[in-house]
N, C-alpha and C. Protein backbone atom coordinates (compact mmCIF):
# COMPACT_ATOMS: atom_id res chain seq x y z
N MET A 1 0.86 -1.21 0.00
CA MET A 1 0.00 0.00 0.00
C MET A 1 0.89 1.25 0.00
N GLY A 2 0.59 2.19 -0.90
CA GLY A 2 1.40 3.40 -1.01
C GLY A 2 1.23 4.32 0.18
N ARG A 3 2.26 5.17 0.38
CA ARG A 3 2.21 6.11 1.51
C ARG A 3 1.05 7.07 1.43
N SER A 4 0.73 7.54 0.19
CA SER A 4 -0.36 8.50 0.04
C SER A 4 -1.70 7.89 0.42
N VAL A 5 -1.88 6.58 0.13
CA VAL A 5 -3.12 5.89 0.50
C VAL A 5 -3.21 5.78 2.02
N ILE A 6 -2.09 5.43 2.66
CA ILE A 6 -2.06 5.33 4.13
C ILE A 6 -2.38 6.68 4.75
N ARG A 7 -1.73 7.74 4.20
CA ARG A 7 -1.97 9.09 4.73
C ARG A 7 -3.44 9.50 4.57
N THR A 8 -4.03 9.14 3.42
CA THR A 8 -5.44 9.47 3.17
C THR A 8 -6.32 8.75 4.19
N LYS A 9 -6.05 7.45 4.43
CA LYS A 9 -6.83 6.69 5.41
C LYS A 9 -6.70 7.29 6.81
N GLU A 10 -5.47 7.70 7.16
CA GLU A 10 -5.25 8.32 8.47
C GLU A 10 -6.04 9.61 8.59
N LYS A 11 -6.06 10.39 7.51
CA LYS A 11 -6.81 11.65 7.49
C LYS A 11 -8.30 11.40 7.70
N ILE A 12 -8.82 10.38 6.99
CA ILE A 12 -10.24 10.03 7.11
C ILE A 12 -10.55 9.60 8.54
N ASN A 13 -9.70 8.71 9.09
CA ASN A 13 -9.91 8.24 10.47
C ASN A 13 -9.82 9.37 11.47
N ASP A 14 -8.87 10.27 11.24
CA ASP A 14 -8.68 11.41 12.14
C ASP A 14 -9.93 12.29 12.15
N LYS A 15 -10.48 12.55 10.96
CA LYS A 15 -11.67 13.40 10.86
C LYS A 15 -12.88 12.72 11.51
N TYR A 16 -13.01 11.42 11.25
CA TYR A 16 -14.11 10.63 11.83
C TYR A 16 -14.03 10.68 13.37
N ASP A 17 -12.84 10.43 13.90
CA ASP A 17 -12.64 10.48 15.36
C ASP A 17 -12.95 11.86 15.91
N ARG A 18 -12.48 12.88 15.17
CA ARG A 18 -12.68 14.26 15.62
C ARG A 18 -14.16 14.61 15.69
N ILE A 19 -14.91 14.16 14.69
CA ILE A 19 -16.36 14.44 14.67
C ILE A 19 -17.04 13.72 15.83
N LEU A 20 -16.67 12.46 16.07
CA LEU A 20 -17.27 11.71 17.18
C LEU A 20 -17.00 12.39 18.52
N GLU A 21 -15.74 12.78 18.73
CA GLU A 21 -15.38 13.43 20.01
C GLU A 21 -16.09 14.77 20.16
N ALA A 22 -16.18 15.52 19.07
CA ALA A 22 -16.89 16.81 19.09
C ALA A 22 -18.37 16.59 19.40
N ALA A 23 -18.95 15.56 18.78
CA ALA A 23 -20.38 15.27 18.97
C ALA A 23 -20.67 14.93 20.42
N VAL A 24 -19.85 14.10 21.01
CA VAL A 24 -20.14 13.68 22.39
C VAL A 24 -19.97 14.86 23.35
N LYS A 25 -19.07 15.78 23.02
CA LYS A 25 -18.91 16.99 23.84
C LYS A 25 -20.17 17.86 23.75
N VAL A 26 -20.67 18.03 22.53
CA VAL A 26 -21.88 18.83 22.31
C VAL A 26 -23.08 18.14 22.97
N PHE A 27 -23.21 16.82 22.81
CA PHE A 27 -24.32 16.08 23.42
C PHE A 27 -24.28 16.21 24.95
N ALA A 28 -23.07 16.15 25.52
CA ALA A 28 -22.93 16.24 26.98
C ALA A 28 -23.31 17.63 27.48
N GLU A 29 -22.94 18.66 26.72
CA GLU A 29 -23.20 20.04 27.16
C GLU A 29 -24.63 20.48 26.86
N GLN A 30 -25.17 20.11 25.70
CA GLN A 30 -26.48 20.61 25.27
C GLN A 30 -27.62 19.63 25.51
N GLY A 31 -27.27 18.33 25.65
CA GLY A 31 -28.29 17.30 25.61
C GLY A 31 -28.48 16.88 24.17
N PHE A 32 -28.72 15.61 23.92
CA PHE A 32 -28.78 15.10 22.54
C PHE A 32 -29.85 15.82 21.71
N PHE A 33 -31.06 15.95 22.25
CA PHE A 33 -32.17 16.49 21.45
C PHE A 33 -32.00 17.97 21.13
N GLN A 34 -31.29 18.70 21.98
CA GLN A 34 -31.07 20.13 21.74
C GLN A 34 -29.88 20.38 20.81
N SER A 35 -29.04 19.37 20.61
CA SER A 35 -27.83 19.53 19.79
C SER A 35 -28.18 19.55 18.31
N THR A 36 -27.34 20.24 17.54
CA THR A 36 -27.54 20.29 16.09
C THR A 36 -26.26 19.83 15.38
N VAL A 37 -26.42 19.41 14.14
CA VAL A 37 -25.27 19.01 13.32
C VAL A 37 -24.33 20.20 13.15
N SER A 38 -24.88 21.41 13.03
CA SER A 38 -24.04 22.63 12.87
C SER A 38 -23.15 22.84 14.08
N GLN A 39 -23.70 22.62 15.29
CA GLN A 39 -22.89 22.76 16.51
C GLN A 39 -21.76 21.74 16.53
N ILE A 40 -22.07 20.52 16.11
CA ILE A 40 -21.06 19.45 16.08
C ILE A 40 -19.96 19.81 15.08
N ALA A 41 -20.38 20.27 13.89
CA ALA A 41 -19.41 20.65 12.85
C ALA A 41 -18.50 21.76 13.36
N ARG A 42 -19.09 22.76 14.00
CA ARG A 42 -18.31 23.89 14.54
C ARG A 42 -17.29 23.40 15.57
N GLU A 43 -17.74 22.53 16.48
CA GLU A 43 -16.87 21.98 17.53
C GLU A 43 -15.73 21.15 16.92
N ALA A 44 -16.04 20.42 15.83
CA ALA A 44 -15.04 19.57 15.18
C ALA A 44 -14.12 20.35 14.24
N GLY A 45 -14.52 21.59 13.94
CA GLY A 45 -13.73 22.42 13.02
C GLY A 45 -13.86 21.97 11.57
N VAL A 46 -15.07 21.50 11.21
CA VAL A 46 -15.33 21.08 9.82
C VAL A 46 -16.60 21.76 9.32
N ALA A 47 -16.80 21.70 8.00
CA ALA A 47 -18.04 22.25 7.42
C ALA A 47 -19.20 21.31 7.72
N ASP A 48 -20.41 21.86 7.79
CA ASP A 48 -21.60 21.04 8.07
C ASP A 48 -21.69 19.84 7.11
N GLY A 49 -21.42 20.11 5.82
CA GLY A 49 -21.53 19.05 4.80
C GLY A 49 -20.56 17.90 5.03
N THR A 50 -19.43 18.20 5.67
CA THR A 50 -18.42 17.15 5.93
C THR A 50 -18.99 16.07 6.84
N ILE A 51 -19.84 16.46 7.78
CA ILE A 51 -20.45 15.49 8.71
C ILE A 51 -21.16 14.40 7.91
N TYR A 52 -21.85 14.81 6.84
CA TYR A 52 -22.68 13.87 6.07
C TYR A 52 -21.84 12.94 5.17
N LEU A 53 -20.55 13.20 5.07
CA LEU A 53 -19.66 12.27 4.36
C LEU A 53 -19.39 11.03 5.22
N TYR A 54 -19.56 11.20 6.55
CA TYR A 54 -19.23 10.13 7.49
C TYR A 54 -20.46 9.55 8.19
N PHE A 55 -21.50 10.37 8.33
CA PHE A 55 -22.69 9.97 9.10
C PHE A 55 -23.96 10.36 8.35
N LYS A 56 -25.00 9.53 8.51
CA LYS A 56 -26.29 9.82 7.86
C LYS A 56 -26.96 11.04 8.46
N ASN A 57 -26.92 11.12 9.80
CA ASN A 57 -27.59 12.21 10.53
C ASN A 57 -27.09 12.20 11.97
N LYS A 58 -27.70 13.02 12.78
CA LYS A 58 -27.29 13.14 14.19
C LYS A 58 -27.49 11.82 14.94
N ASP A 59 -28.60 11.14 14.65
CA ASP A 59 -28.87 9.85 15.30
C ASP A 59 -27.75 8.85 15.00
N ASP A 60 -27.32 8.84 13.74
CA ASP A 60 -26.26 7.92 13.31
C ASP A 60 -24.95 8.21 14.05
N ILE A 61 -24.69 9.48 14.32
CA ILE A 61 -23.47 9.84 15.06
C ILE A 61 -23.50 9.20 16.44
N LEU A 62 -24.65 9.30 17.10
CA LEU A 62 -24.77 8.73 18.45
C LEU A 62 -24.61 7.21 18.43
N VAL A 63 -25.26 6.56 17.47
CA VAL A 63 -25.17 5.10 17.35
C VAL A 63 -23.72 4.68 17.09
N GLN A 64 -23.07 5.37 16.16
CA GLN A 64 -21.68 5.02 15.83
C GLN A 64 -20.73 5.32 16.98
N PHE A 65 -21.02 6.38 17.73
CA PHE A 65 -20.18 6.69 18.90
C PHE A 65 -20.21 5.54 19.89
N PHE A 66 -21.41 5.04 20.19
CA PHE A 66 -21.53 3.94 21.15
C PHE A 66 -20.87 2.67 20.64
N SER A 67 -21.03 2.37 19.36
CA SER A 67 -20.39 1.18 18.78
C SER A 67 -18.87 1.30 18.84
N TYR A 68 -18.37 2.47 18.49
CA TYR A 68 -16.93 2.75 18.46
C TYR A 68 -16.35 2.65 19.87
N LYS A 69 -17.00 3.28 20.83
CA LYS A 69 -16.51 3.27 22.22
C LYS A 69 -16.59 1.87 22.83
N THR A 70 -17.63 1.12 22.47
CA THR A 70 -17.77 -0.24 23.00
C THR A 70 -16.57 -1.08 22.60
N ARG A 71 -16.20 -1.03 21.32
CA ARG A 71 -15.04 -1.80 20.86
C ARG A 71 -13.77 -1.38 21.59
N GLN A 72 -13.59 -0.06 21.68
CA GLN A 72 -12.38 0.50 22.29
C GLN A 72 -12.27 0.14 23.78
N VAL A 73 -13.34 0.42 24.51
CA VAL A 73 -13.35 0.24 25.97
C VAL A 73 -13.29 -1.24 26.36
N PHE A 74 -14.04 -2.08 25.64
CA PHE A 74 -14.06 -3.49 26.03
C PHE A 74 -12.76 -4.20 25.72
N ALA A 75 -12.02 -3.74 24.73
CA ALA A 75 -10.68 -4.30 24.47
C ALA A 75 -9.80 -4.01 25.69
N ARG A 76 -9.93 -2.82 26.26
CA ARG A 76 -9.14 -2.46 27.45
C ARG A 76 -9.60 -3.25 28.68
N PHE A 77 -10.92 -3.43 28.82
CA PHE A 77 -11.44 -4.23 29.94
C PHE A 77 -10.85 -5.64 29.89
N ARG A 78 -10.90 -6.24 28.69
CA ARG A 78 -10.42 -7.62 28.53
C ARG A 78 -8.93 -7.72 28.86
N GLU A 79 -8.17 -6.75 28.41
CA GLU A 79 -6.73 -6.72 28.67
C GLU A 79 -6.46 -6.67 30.18
N GLU A 80 -7.21 -5.83 30.89
CA GLU A 80 -7.03 -5.70 32.34
C GLU A 80 -7.40 -6.99 33.07
N VAL A 81 -8.51 -7.59 32.68
CA VAL A 81 -8.99 -8.81 33.33
C VAL A 81 -8.00 -9.95 33.07
N ASP A 82 -7.56 -10.07 31.82
CA ASP A 82 -6.63 -11.15 31.46
C ASP A 82 -5.26 -10.97 32.11
N GLY A 83 -4.96 -9.76 32.54
CA GLY A 83 -3.66 -9.48 33.18
C GLY A 83 -3.59 -9.90 34.64
N ALA A 84 -4.69 -10.39 35.20
CA ALA A 84 -4.70 -10.81 36.62
C ALA A 84 -4.88 -12.33 36.71
N ASP A 85 -4.38 -12.90 37.79
CA ASP A 85 -4.45 -14.36 37.95
C ASP A 85 -5.69 -14.84 38.68
N ASN A 86 -6.05 -14.13 39.76
CA ASN A 86 -7.17 -14.61 40.58
C ASN A 86 -8.41 -13.72 40.40
N ALA A 87 -9.55 -14.26 40.83
CA ALA A 87 -10.84 -13.60 40.60
C ALA A 87 -10.93 -12.22 41.24
N VAL A 88 -10.44 -12.08 42.46
CA VAL A 88 -10.56 -10.78 43.15
C VAL A 88 -9.75 -9.72 42.42
N ASP A 89 -8.54 -10.07 41.98
CA ASP A 89 -7.71 -9.11 41.23
C ASP A 89 -8.33 -8.79 39.87
N LYS A 90 -8.96 -9.79 39.26
CA LYS A 90 -9.64 -9.56 37.97
C LYS A 90 -10.79 -8.57 38.16
N LEU A 91 -11.56 -8.77 39.23
CA LEU A 91 -12.68 -7.86 39.51
C LEU A 91 -12.16 -6.46 39.81
N ARG A 92 -11.09 -6.39 40.59
CA ARG A 92 -10.49 -5.09 40.94
C ARG A 92 -10.01 -4.37 39.67
N ASN A 93 -9.31 -5.11 38.81
CA ASN A 93 -8.79 -4.51 37.57
C ASN A 93 -9.92 -4.03 36.66
N LEU A 94 -10.98 -4.85 36.55
CA LEU A 94 -12.12 -4.49 35.71
C LEU A 94 -12.78 -3.21 36.21
N ILE A 95 -13.05 -3.16 37.51
CA ILE A 95 -13.76 -1.99 38.05
C ILE A 95 -12.88 -0.75 38.03
N ARG A 96 -11.60 -0.91 38.33
CA ARG A 96 -10.71 0.25 38.28
C ARG A 96 -10.65 0.81 36.86
N ARG A 97 -10.52 -0.09 35.89
CA ARG A 97 -10.45 0.36 34.49
C ARG A 97 -11.76 1.02 34.05
N HIS A 98 -12.87 0.45 34.48
CA HIS A 98 -14.20 1.01 34.17
C HIS A 98 -14.28 2.45 34.69
N LEU A 99 -13.90 2.64 35.93
CA LEU A 99 -13.96 3.98 36.52
C LEU A 99 -12.98 4.93 35.85
N GLU A 100 -11.79 4.43 35.51
CA GLU A 100 -10.80 5.27 34.84
C GLU A 100 -11.28 5.72 33.46
N GLU A 101 -11.90 4.80 32.72
CA GLU A 101 -12.40 5.14 31.38
C GLU A 101 -13.41 6.29 31.45
N PHE A 102 -14.32 6.21 32.41
CA PHE A 102 -15.34 7.26 32.54
C PHE A 102 -14.73 8.55 33.09
N GLN A 103 -13.78 8.42 34.00
CA GLN A 103 -13.11 9.61 34.54
C GLN A 103 -12.33 10.33 33.44
N ASN A 104 -11.67 9.56 32.56
CA ASN A 104 -10.87 10.15 31.49
C ASN A 104 -11.72 10.77 30.40
N ASP A 105 -12.98 10.38 30.32
CA ASP A 105 -13.87 10.94 29.28
C ASP A 105 -15.22 11.26 29.93
N ARG A 106 -15.25 12.37 30.64
CA ARG A 106 -16.46 12.75 31.39
C ARG A 106 -17.65 12.97 30.45
N ASN A 107 -17.38 13.49 29.25
CA ASN A 107 -18.47 13.68 28.28
C ASN A 107 -19.13 12.35 27.94
N MET A 108 -18.31 11.32 27.73
CA MET A 108 -18.85 9.99 27.46
C MET A 108 -19.70 9.52 28.63
N ALA A 109 -19.21 9.75 29.85
CA ALA A 109 -19.94 9.33 31.05
C ALA A 109 -21.31 10.00 31.11
N ILE A 110 -21.36 11.29 30.80
CA ILE A 110 -22.62 12.06 30.85
C ILE A 110 -23.60 11.55 29.79
N VAL A 111 -23.09 11.35 28.56
CA VAL A 111 -23.96 10.89 27.46
C VAL A 111 -24.44 9.46 27.75
N TYR A 112 -23.55 8.61 28.23
CA TYR A 112 -23.93 7.23 28.55
C TYR A 112 -25.03 7.22 29.61
N ARG A 113 -24.84 8.02 30.64
CA ARG A 113 -25.82 8.08 31.73
C ARG A 113 -27.17 8.58 31.21
N ALA A 114 -27.14 9.63 30.38
CA ALA A 114 -28.38 10.19 29.84
C ALA A 114 -29.12 9.14 29.00
N GLU A 115 -28.38 8.43 28.18
CA GLU A 115 -29.01 7.45 27.28
C GLU A 115 -29.53 6.22 28.03
N THR A 116 -28.85 5.81 29.09
CA THR A 116 -29.31 4.63 29.84
C THR A 116 -30.48 4.95 30.76
N HIS A 117 -30.74 6.24 30.99
CA HIS A 117 -31.84 6.62 31.89
C HIS A 117 -33.06 7.16 31.13
N GLN A 118 -33.08 6.97 29.81
CA GLN A 118 -34.24 7.40 29.02
C GLN A 118 -35.07 6.19 28.63
N ASN A 119 -36.38 6.41 28.52
CA ASN A 119 -37.26 5.30 28.14
C ASN A 119 -37.13 4.96 26.65
N SER A 120 -37.13 6.01 25.82
CA SER A 120 -37.02 5.80 24.38
C SER A 120 -35.58 6.09 23.98
N ARG A 121 -34.84 5.06 23.63
CA ARG A 121 -33.42 5.25 23.37
C ARG A 121 -33.06 4.89 21.93
N LEU A 122 -32.31 5.77 21.30
CA LEU A 122 -31.82 5.51 19.94
C LEU A 122 -30.79 4.40 19.95
N VAL A 123 -30.07 4.31 21.04
CA VAL A 123 -28.94 3.37 21.11
C VAL A 123 -29.27 2.19 22.02
N GLU A 124 -30.53 1.83 22.08
CA GLU A 124 -30.95 0.73 22.96
C GLU A 124 -30.19 -0.56 22.65
N ALA A 125 -30.06 -0.89 21.37
CA ALA A 125 -29.37 -2.12 20.98
C ALA A 125 -27.91 -2.08 21.42
N GLN A 126 -27.26 -0.93 21.25
CA GLN A 126 -25.85 -0.80 21.63
C GLN A 126 -25.68 -0.91 23.15
N ILE A 127 -26.61 -0.28 23.91
CA ILE A 127 -26.52 -0.32 25.36
C ILE A 127 -26.77 -1.74 25.87
N LYS A 128 -27.72 -2.45 25.25
CA LYS A 128 -27.97 -3.85 25.63
C LYS A 128 -26.73 -4.70 25.38
N GLU A 129 -26.10 -4.45 24.23
CA GLU A 129 -24.89 -5.21 23.88
C GLU A 129 -23.76 -4.92 24.87
N MET A 130 -23.57 -3.63 25.21
CA MET A 130 -22.54 -3.25 26.19
C MET A 130 -22.80 -3.93 27.53
N SER A 131 -24.05 -3.87 27.96
CA SER A 131 -24.43 -4.46 29.24
C SER A 131 -24.18 -5.97 29.23
N LYS A 132 -24.54 -6.63 28.13
CA LYS A 132 -24.34 -8.08 28.03
C LYS A 132 -22.85 -8.43 28.07
N MET A 133 -22.05 -7.67 27.34
CA MET A 133 -20.60 -7.92 27.32
C MET A 133 -20.00 -7.74 28.70
N TYR A 134 -20.45 -6.71 29.40
CA TYR A 134 -19.93 -6.45 30.75
C TYR A 134 -20.34 -7.57 31.71
N LEU A 135 -21.61 -7.93 31.64
CA LEU A 135 -22.11 -8.97 32.54
C LEU A 135 -21.47 -10.33 32.24
N ASP A 136 -21.12 -10.57 30.98
CA ASP A 136 -20.42 -11.81 30.62
C ASP A 136 -19.04 -11.86 31.28
N ILE A 137 -18.33 -10.73 31.27
CA ILE A 137 -17.01 -10.67 31.92
C ILE A 137 -17.17 -10.90 33.42
N VAL A 138 -18.17 -10.24 34.03
CA VAL A 138 -18.41 -10.40 35.46
C VAL A 138 -18.75 -11.86 35.78
N SER A 139 -19.54 -12.51 34.93
CA SER A 139 -19.89 -13.93 35.13
C SER A 139 -18.65 -14.80 35.20
N GLU A 140 -17.75 -14.58 34.24
CA GLU A 140 -16.49 -15.33 34.21
C GLU A 140 -15.74 -15.18 35.53
N ILE A 141 -15.67 -13.93 36.00
CA ILE A 141 -14.91 -13.64 37.22
C ILE A 141 -15.58 -14.30 38.43
N VAL A 142 -16.90 -14.17 38.52
CA VAL A 142 -17.63 -14.75 39.66
C VAL A 142 -17.48 -16.27 39.66
N GLU A 143 -17.60 -16.89 38.50
CA GLU A 143 -17.47 -18.35 38.42
C GLU A 143 -16.06 -18.80 38.82
N GLN A 144 -15.05 -18.03 38.40
CA GLN A 144 -13.68 -18.35 38.81
C GLN A 144 -13.53 -18.18 40.33
N GLY A 145 -14.14 -17.11 40.86
CA GLY A 145 -14.08 -16.86 42.30
C GLY A 145 -14.75 -17.97 43.11
N GLN A 146 -15.83 -18.52 42.55
CA GLN A 146 -16.51 -19.64 43.22
C GLN A 146 -15.62 -20.88 43.23
N GLU A 147 -14.92 -21.11 42.12
CA GLU A 147 -14.00 -22.25 42.04
C GLU A 147 -12.83 -22.06 43.00
N GLU A 148 -12.38 -20.82 43.15
CA GLU A 148 -11.24 -20.53 44.04
C GLU A 148 -11.66 -20.50 45.52
N GLY A 149 -12.98 -20.50 45.75
CA GLY A 149 -13.48 -20.48 47.13
C GLY A 149 -13.50 -19.11 47.78
N VAL A 150 -13.45 -18.04 46.96
CA VAL A 150 -13.48 -16.68 47.53
C VAL A 150 -14.84 -16.02 47.33
N ILE A 151 -15.71 -16.64 46.52
CA ILE A 151 -17.07 -16.13 46.32
C ILE A 151 -18.03 -17.28 46.61
N ARG A 152 -19.06 -16.97 47.37
CA ARG A 152 -20.03 -18.01 47.77
C ARG A 152 -20.65 -18.69 46.56
N ARG A 153 -20.88 -19.99 46.69
CA ARG A 153 -21.49 -20.77 45.61
C ARG A 153 -23.02 -20.74 45.65
N ASP A 154 -23.57 -20.31 46.79
CA ASP A 154 -25.03 -20.37 46.95
C ASP A 154 -25.75 -19.10 46.48
N LEU A 155 -25.06 -18.29 45.69
CA LEU A 155 -25.64 -17.02 45.24
C LEU A 155 -26.26 -17.18 43.86
N TYR A 156 -27.31 -16.39 43.60
CA TYR A 156 -27.87 -16.32 42.25
C TYR A 156 -26.91 -15.50 41.41
N LEU A 157 -26.34 -16.10 40.38
CA LEU A 157 -25.35 -15.41 39.55
C LEU A 157 -25.92 -14.14 38.94
N SER A 158 -27.19 -14.21 38.47
CA SER A 158 -27.79 -13.03 37.83
C SER A 158 -27.90 -11.87 38.83
N LEU A 159 -28.17 -12.19 40.08
CA LEU A 159 -28.28 -11.16 41.12
C LEU A 159 -26.91 -10.55 41.43
N VAL A 160 -25.89 -11.39 41.49
CA VAL A 160 -24.52 -10.91 41.76
C VAL A 160 -24.08 -9.97 40.64
N LYS A 161 -24.36 -10.34 39.39
CA LYS A 161 -23.96 -9.51 38.25
C LYS A 161 -24.64 -8.14 38.31
N ARG A 162 -25.93 -8.13 38.61
CA ARG A 162 -26.68 -6.86 38.69
C ARG A 162 -26.19 -6.01 39.87
N PHE A 163 -25.86 -6.67 40.95
CA PHE A 163 -25.35 -5.99 42.15
C PHE A 163 -24.05 -5.24 41.81
N ILE A 164 -23.16 -5.92 41.09
CA ILE A 164 -21.87 -5.31 40.74
C ILE A 164 -22.07 -4.18 39.73
N LEU A 165 -22.83 -4.45 38.66
CA LEU A 165 -23.05 -3.41 37.64
C LEU A 165 -23.78 -2.21 38.24
N GLY A 166 -24.79 -2.47 39.07
CA GLY A 166 -25.54 -1.38 39.72
C GLY A 166 -24.66 -0.54 40.63
N GLY A 167 -23.79 -1.21 41.39
CA GLY A 167 -22.89 -0.49 42.30
C GLY A 167 -21.94 0.42 41.55
N VAL A 168 -21.36 -0.09 40.46
CA VAL A 168 -20.42 0.70 39.66
C VAL A 168 -21.14 1.88 39.01
N ASP A 169 -22.32 1.61 38.44
CA ASP A 169 -23.11 2.69 37.80
C ASP A 169 -23.45 3.80 38.78
N GLU A 170 -23.83 3.42 39.98
CA GLU A 170 -24.24 4.42 40.97
C GLU A 170 -23.06 5.28 41.42
N VAL A 171 -21.90 4.66 41.54
CA VAL A 171 -20.68 5.41 41.91
C VAL A 171 -20.35 6.42 40.81
N ILE A 172 -20.50 6.02 39.55
CA ILE A 172 -20.25 6.94 38.42
C ILE A 172 -21.28 8.06 38.40
N ASN A 173 -22.56 7.74 38.63
CA ASN A 173 -23.61 8.76 38.66
C ASN A 173 -23.35 9.80 39.73
N THR A 174 -22.94 9.35 40.91
CA THR A 174 -22.66 10.26 42.02
C THR A 174 -21.51 11.19 41.65
N TRP A 175 -20.50 10.63 41.00
CA TRP A 175 -19.33 11.41 40.58
C TRP A 175 -19.73 12.46 39.54
N ILE A 176 -20.61 12.09 38.61
CA ILE A 176 -21.08 13.05 37.60
C ILE A 176 -21.83 14.20 38.28
N HIS A 177 -22.72 13.86 39.23
CA HIS A 177 -23.48 14.89 39.95
C HIS A 177 -22.58 15.81 40.76
N ALA A 178 -21.43 15.28 41.19
CA ALA A 178 -20.48 16.10 41.96
C ALA A 178 -19.55 16.88 41.03
N ASP A 179 -19.88 16.90 39.71
CA ASP A 179 -19.08 17.59 38.70
C ASP A 179 -17.64 17.09 38.64
N GLY A 180 -17.45 15.81 38.94
CA GLY A 180 -16.12 15.21 38.82
C GLY A 180 -15.09 15.82 39.74
N LYS A 181 -15.54 16.26 40.93
CA LYS A 181 -14.64 17.00 41.84
C LYS A 181 -13.71 16.11 42.65
N TYR A 182 -13.81 14.79 42.48
CA TYR A 182 -12.87 13.90 43.18
C TYR A 182 -12.41 12.81 42.22
N ASP A 183 -11.42 12.07 42.65
CA ASP A 183 -10.82 11.04 41.81
C ASP A 183 -11.70 9.79 41.82
N LEU A 184 -12.41 9.57 40.72
CA LEU A 184 -13.37 8.47 40.62
C LEU A 184 -12.69 7.11 40.79
N ALA A 185 -11.50 6.96 40.23
CA ALA A 185 -10.80 5.66 40.25
C ALA A 185 -10.47 5.19 41.66
N THR A 186 -10.38 6.12 42.62
CA THR A 186 -10.06 5.72 44.00
C THR A 186 -11.22 4.96 44.64
N MET A 187 -12.37 4.96 43.99
CA MET A 187 -13.52 4.23 44.53
C MET A 187 -13.46 2.74 44.19
N ALA A 188 -12.53 2.33 43.33
CA ALA A 188 -12.47 0.93 42.89
C ALA A 188 -12.21 -0.03 44.04
N ASP A 189 -11.19 0.23 44.85
CA ASP A 189 -10.85 -0.69 45.95
C ASP A 189 -11.97 -0.80 46.99
N PRO A 190 -12.54 0.34 47.46
CA PRO A 190 -13.65 0.22 48.41
C PRO A 190 -14.84 -0.55 47.83
N LEU A 191 -15.11 -0.36 46.53
CA LEU A 191 -16.22 -1.07 45.89
C LEU A 191 -15.96 -2.58 45.89
N VAL A 192 -14.77 -2.98 45.48
CA VAL A 192 -14.45 -4.42 45.43
C VAL A 192 -14.49 -5.00 46.83
N ASP A 193 -13.99 -4.25 47.80
CA ASP A 193 -14.03 -4.72 49.19
C ASP A 193 -15.48 -4.95 49.64
N LEU A 194 -16.35 -4.03 49.26
CA LEU A 194 -17.77 -4.15 49.60
C LEU A 194 -18.40 -5.36 48.90
N PHE A 195 -18.05 -5.56 47.62
CA PHE A 195 -18.59 -6.71 46.88
C PHE A 195 -18.14 -8.02 47.50
N ILE A 196 -16.88 -8.12 47.89
CA ILE A 196 -16.34 -9.39 48.38
C ILE A 196 -16.71 -9.65 49.84
N ARG A 197 -16.67 -8.61 50.67
CA ARG A 197 -16.93 -8.81 52.10
C ARG A 197 -18.37 -8.61 52.50
N GLY A 198 -19.14 -7.83 51.69
CA GLY A 198 -20.52 -7.53 52.04
C GLY A 198 -20.58 -6.52 53.18
N ILE A 199 -21.77 -6.31 53.75
CA ILE A 199 -21.90 -5.33 54.83
C ILE A 199 -22.18 -6.00 56.18
N GLY A 200 -22.17 -7.31 56.19
CA GLY A 200 -22.41 -8.01 57.46
C GLY A 200 -21.16 -8.01 58.33
N VAL A 201 -21.36 -8.25 59.61
CA VAL A 201 -20.23 -8.29 60.57
C VAL A 201 -19.48 -9.59 60.38
């Protein structure tokens, strides 16, 4: 492949990424329904018409953003989980990485929260897929923990998965409401401790 073709592909990818990042910033600040393609174009530093070379419309931008982020973030989740030997460390790595990803991209956190708390969602399929992928990773970890004897075997797996996902989501929501005024990632260890030890004496 010639250098000019590679450079052209890099340029296209760069513009696509720039539009996605600009869009999520505008969606986070204005709310999805109040945002316009013109605002996104202005934020990305491109002409309005350029947006339509990459996306069908505003809805398509949101759908593609979630698909793009899912691939990116879950590759990192998998890397973190696979880098640990035992179930507790895998859970710790997963949750720490989850919190770090949202802390590093507060706009993504705001848009994700807004979309998961709406009844009619454009990205319902993407959010279901993200949730399933996350819960599948948690299942693996819990099952390994049960084999290692560090997680009780008499628990409903579906309840444990929801407990963990709900706990992480709520910690992120609280951080968003506090305008990100503290280090979100520092909540990973207390969360894992709570999951493993529970609140009983």
